[in-house]
Amino acid sequence: MLSHHSAAVMLNLIPFFPQIGGKVKSIGGSPGEVICQVAKDENAALIVTGTRGMGKIRRTFLGSVSDYILHHAHVPVLVCRHKDDHKK
């Protein structure tokens, strides 16, 4: 499962890692839980996700999908920030 930004990152990596593949799925549920479960079901080797760059307080109260994935995934996770988020 790839976000739009994550999909762009993957496309940039393909020339360096021709064995990279991916699927697009639409599944209902809690995003972090669903992403981790689908990665497990599909025997994924890597999860690539994006982040909105929320601060610690916002992330604590609102939750963070990328934070959930980092702590619950059974495979490596690559979290990508949008270039505009680095200015915050």
C-alpha atoms as a PDB file:
ATOM      1  CA  MET A   1       0.000   0.000   0.000  1.00  0.00           C
ATOM      2  CA  LEU A   2       1.536   3.265  -1.080  1.00  0.00           C
ATOM      3  CA  SER A   3       0.570   6.889  -0.569  1.00  0.00           C
ATOM      4  CA  HIS A   4       0.988   9.232  -3.535  1.00  0.00           C
ATOM      5  CA  HIS A   5       4.278  10.598  -2.169  1.00  0.00           C
ATOM      6  CA  SER A   6       5.511   7.128  -1.258  1.00  0.00           C
ATOM      7  CA  ALA A   7       4.679   5.899  -4.746  1.00  0.00           C
ATOM      8  CA  ALA A   8       6.789   8.708  -6.208  1.00  0.00           C
ATOM      9  CA  VAL A   9       9.704   7.714  -3.974  1.00  0.00           C
ATOM     10  CA  MET A  10       9.369   4.103  -5.089  1.00  0.00           C
ATOM     11  CA  LEU A  11       9.390   5.137  -8.762  1.00  0.00           C
ATOM     12  CA  ASN A  12      12.646   7.008  -8.173  1.00  0.00           C
ATOM     13  CA  LEU A  13      14.197   3.934  -6.528  1.00  0.00           C
ATOM     14  CA  ILE A  14      13.255   1.447  -9.264  1.00  0.00           C
ATOM     15  CA  PRO A  15      16.311   2.145 -11.488  1.00  0.00           C
ATOM     16  CA  PHE A  16      18.562   1.297  -8.527  1.00  0.00           C
ATOM     17  CA  PHE A  17      16.539  -1.711  -7.349  1.00  0.00           C
ATOM     18  CA  PRO A  18      14.852  -3.338 -10.358  1.00  0.00           C
ATOM     19  CA  GLN A  19      13.364  -6.084  -8.160  1.00  0.00           C
ATOM     20  CA  ILE A  20      11.100  -3.544  -6.351  1.00  0.00           C
ATOM     21  CA  GLY A  21       7.430  -4.058  -6.982  1.00  0.00           C
ATOM     22  CA  GLY A  22       4.225  -2.910  -5.373  1.00  0.00           C
ATOM     23  CA  LYS A  23       0.464  -3.202  -5.266  1.00  0.00           C
ATOM     24  CA  VAL A  24      -2.320  -0.724  -4.755  1.00  0.00           C
ATOM     25  CA  LYS A  25      -5.214  -1.831  -2.540  1.00  0.00           C
ATOM     26  CA  SER A  26      -8.236  -0.119  -1.067  1.00  0.00           C
ATOM     27  CA  ILE A  27      -9.216  -1.627   2.286  1.00  0.00           C
ATOM     28  CA  GLY A  28     -11.321  -0.153   5.068  1.00  0.00           C
ATOM     29  CA  GLY A  29     -10.198   0.033   8.671  1.00  0.00           C
ATOM     30  CA  SER A  30      -7.666   1.779  10.858  1.00  0.00           C
ATOM     31  CA  PRO A  31      -4.901   2.828   8.422  1.00  0.00           C
ATOM     32  CA  GLY A  32      -1.903   1.767  10.516  1.00  0.00           C
ATOM     33  CA  GLU A  33      -3.406  -1.585  11.451  1.00  0.00           C
ATOM     34  CA  VAL A  34      -4.496  -2.306   7.875  1.00  0.00           C
ATOM     35  CA  ILE A  35      -1.122  -1.387   6.387  1.00  0.00           C
ATOM     36  CA  CYS A  36       0.718  -3.640   8.851  1.00  0.00           C
ATOM     37  CA  GLN A  37      -1.711  -6.522   8.270  1.00  0.00           C
ATOM     38  CA  VAL A  38      -1.570  -6.254   4.465  1.00  0.00           C
ATOM     39  CA  ALA A  39       2.237  -6.110   4.591  1.00  0.00           C
ATOM     40  CA  LYS A  40       2.189  -9.315   6.621  1.00  0.00           C
ATOM     41  CA  ASP A  41      -0.398 -11.018   4.365  1.00  0.00           C
ATOM     42  CA  GLU A  42       1.527 -10.069   1.210  1.00  0.00           C
ATOM     43  CA  ASN A  43       4.919 -11.023   2.676  1.00  0.00           C
ATOM     44  CA  ALA A  44       6.173  -7.504   1.977  1.00  0.00           C
ATOM     45  CA  ALA A  45       9.882  -6.864   2.380  1.00  0.00           C
ATOM     46  CA  LEU A  46       9.476  -3.132   3.068  1.00  0.00           C
ATOM     47  CA  ILE A  47       6.752  -0.601   3.887  1.00  0.00           C
ATOM     48  CA  VAL A  48       7.178   2.879   2.394  1.00  0.00           C
ATOM     49  CA  THR A  49       4.967   5.570   3.907  1.00  0.00           C
ATOM     50  CA  GLY A  50       4.809   9.336   4.107  1.00  0.00           C
ATOM     51  CA  THR A  51       4.472  11.710   7.022  1.00  0.00           C
ATOM     52  CA  ARG A  52       2.808  15.073   7.449  1.00  0.00           C
ATOM     53  CA  GLY A  53       5.452  16.248   9.873  1.00  0.00           C
ATOM     54  CA  MET A  54       3.148  16.901  12.834  1.00  0.00           C
ATOM     55  CA  GLY A  55       4.769  18.053  16.050  1.00  0.00           C
ATOM     56  CA  LYS A  56       5.069  15.835  19.110  1.00  0.00           C
ATOM     57  CA  ILE A  57       1.995  17.273  20.839  1.00  0.00           C
ATOM     58  CA  ARG A  58      -0.270  16.963  17.780  1.00  0.00           C
ATOM     59  CA  ARG A  59       0.995  13.455  17.093  1.00  0.00           C
ATOM     60  CA  THR A  60       0.306  12.473  20.714  1.00  0.00           C
ATOM     61  CA  PHE A  61      -3.303  13.657  20.626  1.00  0.00           C
ATOM     62  CA  LEU A  62      -4.226  12.938  17.010  1.00  0.00           C
ATOM     63  CA  GLY A  63      -2.120   9.850  16.453  1.00  0.00           C
ATOM     64  CA  SER A  64       0.194   9.189  13.554  1.00  0.00           C
ATOM     65  CA  VAL A  65      -0.173   6.437  10.982  1.00  0.00           C
ATOM     66  CA  SER A  66       3.560   6.412  10.239  1.00  0.00           C
ATOM     67  CA  ASP A  67       4.343   6.248  13.975  1.00  0.00           C
ATOM     68  CA  TYR A  68       1.960   3.300  14.386  1.00  0.00           C
ATOM     69  CA  ILE A  69       3.535   1.503  11.426  1.00  0.00           C
ATOM     70  CA  LEU A  70       7.060   2.079  12.760  1.00  0.00           C
ATOM     71  CA  HIS A  71       6.152   0.475  16.084  1.00  0.00           C
ATOM     72  CA  HIS A  72       3.968  -2.408  14.844  1.00  0.00           C
ATOM     73  CA  ALA A  73       5.309  -3.517  11.448  1.00  0.00           C
ATOM     74  CA  HIS A  74       7.167  -6.808  11.187  1.00  0.00           C
ATOM     75  CA  VAL A  75       9.303  -5.524   8.272  1.00  0.00           C
ATOM     76  CA  PRO A  76      11.541  -2.473   7.771  1.00  0.00           C
ATOM     77  CA  VAL A  77       9.722   0.852   7.309  1.00  0.00           C
ATOM     78  CA  LEU A  78      10.882   3.815   5.213  1.00  0.00           C
ATOM     79  CA  VAL A  79       9.163   7.072   6.241  1.00  0.00           C
ATOM     80  CA  CYS A  80       9.384   9.850   3.648  1.00  0.00           C
ATOM     81  CA  ARG A  81       8.821  13.507   4.375  1.00  0.00           C
ATOM     82  CA  HIS A  82       7.560  15.949   1.780  1.00  0.00           C
ATOM     83  CA  LYS A  83      10.252  18.508   0.904  1.00  0.00           C
ATOM     84  CA  ASP A  84       8.090  21.352   2.310  1.00  0.00           C
ATOM     85  CA  ASP A  85       7.916  19.626   5.731  1.00  0.00           C
ATOM     86  CA  HIS A  86      11.662  20.105   6.268  1.00  0.00           C
ATOM     87  CA  LYS A  87      11.153  23.874   6.629  1.00  0.00           C
ATOM     88  CA  LYS A  88       9.008  23.497   9.761  1.00  0.00           C
END
